[in-house]
Amino acid sequence: MITKYQALTAQRFHEDATCTPARAATWRRNGATQTWKTRPYDFRIPVKYGLYDYFQITETNADQFHAEEDCPHGHKR
């Protein structure tokens, strides 16, 4: 699960469904995290995987990802 602090500071994220001891799908930050003053718990992180896959990590799907430094399998660059 990604916290709001990690959303503001982390550069790489792993998808929980594809993170195994052998391999992890790493999504890279592709811009600044968007936050709102009127919705303090909401955030949007633009990320990309490879050359052509783009996605947004938000507070609704943050439970499907974790920051690279918190990987339970030890995948780090």
Protein backbone atom coordinates (compact mmCIF):
# COMPACT_ATOMS: atom_id res chain seq x y z
CA MET A 1 0.00 0.00 0.00
CA ILE A 2 1.30 3.42 -0.91
CA THR A 3 0.95 6.16 1.68
CA LYS A 4 0.56 9.83 0.81
CA TYR A 5 4.15 10.49 1.94
CA GLN A 6 5.43 7.78 -0.40
CA ALA A 7 3.25 9.20 -3.16
CA LEU A 8 5.06 12.50 -2.80
CA THR A 9 8.61 11.12 -2.48
CA ALA A 10 9.03 7.66 -4.08
CA GLN A 11 10.27 7.38 -7.66
CA ARG A 12 9.52 3.70 -8.46
CA PHE A 13 6.56 1.49 -7.60
CA HIS A 14 5.90 -2.25 -7.86
CA GLU A 15 2.56 -3.81 -8.71
CA ASP A 16 1.60 -6.34 -6.01
CA ALA A 17 0.03 -8.79 -8.48
CA THR A 18 3.28 -9.17 -10.47
CA CYS A 19 5.82 -8.88 -7.64
CA THR A 20 7.33 -12.33 -7.13
CA PRO A 21 10.70 -13.40 -5.68
CA ALA A 22 12.01 -13.75 -9.24
CA ARG A 23 10.64 -10.59 -10.89
CA ALA A 24 8.83 -7.33 -10.23
CA ALA A 25 7.03 -5.01 -12.66
CA THR A 26 8.47 -1.57 -11.92
CA TRP A 27 6.40 1.51 -12.70
CA ARG A 28 8.42 4.76 -12.85
CA ARG A 29 7.18 8.19 -11.88
CA ASN A 30 6.30 10.25 -14.95
CA GLY A 31 5.61 13.65 -13.37
CA ALA A 32 4.74 15.36 -10.14
CA THR A 33 2.14 14.02 -7.71
CA GLN A 34 -1.08 15.98 -7.89
CA THR A 35 -2.78 16.88 -4.60
CA TRP A 36 -5.80 19.00 -3.70
CA LYS A 37 -6.38 21.43 -0.83
CA THR A 38 -10.10 20.60 -0.59
CA ARG A 39 -9.45 16.82 -0.57
CA PRO A 40 -6.39 16.34 1.67
CA TYR A 41 -6.27 12.53 1.43
CA ASP A 42 -6.50 12.32 -2.38
CA PHE A 43 -3.50 12.12 -4.70
CA ARG A 44 -2.65 11.15 -8.29
CA ILE A 45 0.75 9.84 -9.40
CA PRO A 46 1.39 9.61 -13.14
CA VAL A 47 3.53 6.52 -13.83
CA LYS A 48 4.83 4.66 -16.85
CA TYR A 49 6.01 1.11 -17.56
CA GLY A 50 8.35 0.53 -20.46
CA LEU A 51 7.98 2.81 -23.46
CA TYR A 52 4.25 2.88 -24.11
CA ASP A 53 2.27 1.94 -20.98
CA TYR A 54 0.98 4.83 -18.89
CA PHE A 55 -1.16 4.68 -15.73
CA GLN A 56 -2.20 6.73 -12.71
CA ILE A 57 -1.88 5.55 -9.13
CA THR A 58 -4.59 7.15 -6.99
CA GLU A 59 -5.81 6.67 -3.45
CA THR A 60 -8.43 4.19 -4.74
CA ASN A 61 -5.90 1.77 -6.28
CA ALA A 62 -2.91 2.47 -3.99
CA ASP A 63 -3.50 -0.84 -2.20
CA GLN A 64 -2.43 -2.67 -5.39
CA PHE A 65 1.07 -1.11 -5.39
CA HIS A 66 4.01 -0.64 -3.02
CA ALA A 67 7.06 1.60 -3.15
CA GLU A 68 10.26 -0.02 -4.41
CA GLU A 69 12.09 0.63 -1.12
CA ASP A 70 9.35 -1.30 0.75
CA CYS A 71 9.38 -4.35 -1.54
CA PRO A 72 8.78 -7.54 0.48
CA HIS A 73 10.98 -9.53 -1.95
CA GLY A 74 13.91 -7.10 -1.81
CA HIS A 75 13.76 -5.86 -5.41
CA LYS A 76 15.76 -2.62 -5.45
CA ARG A 77 17.88 -0.81 -8.01
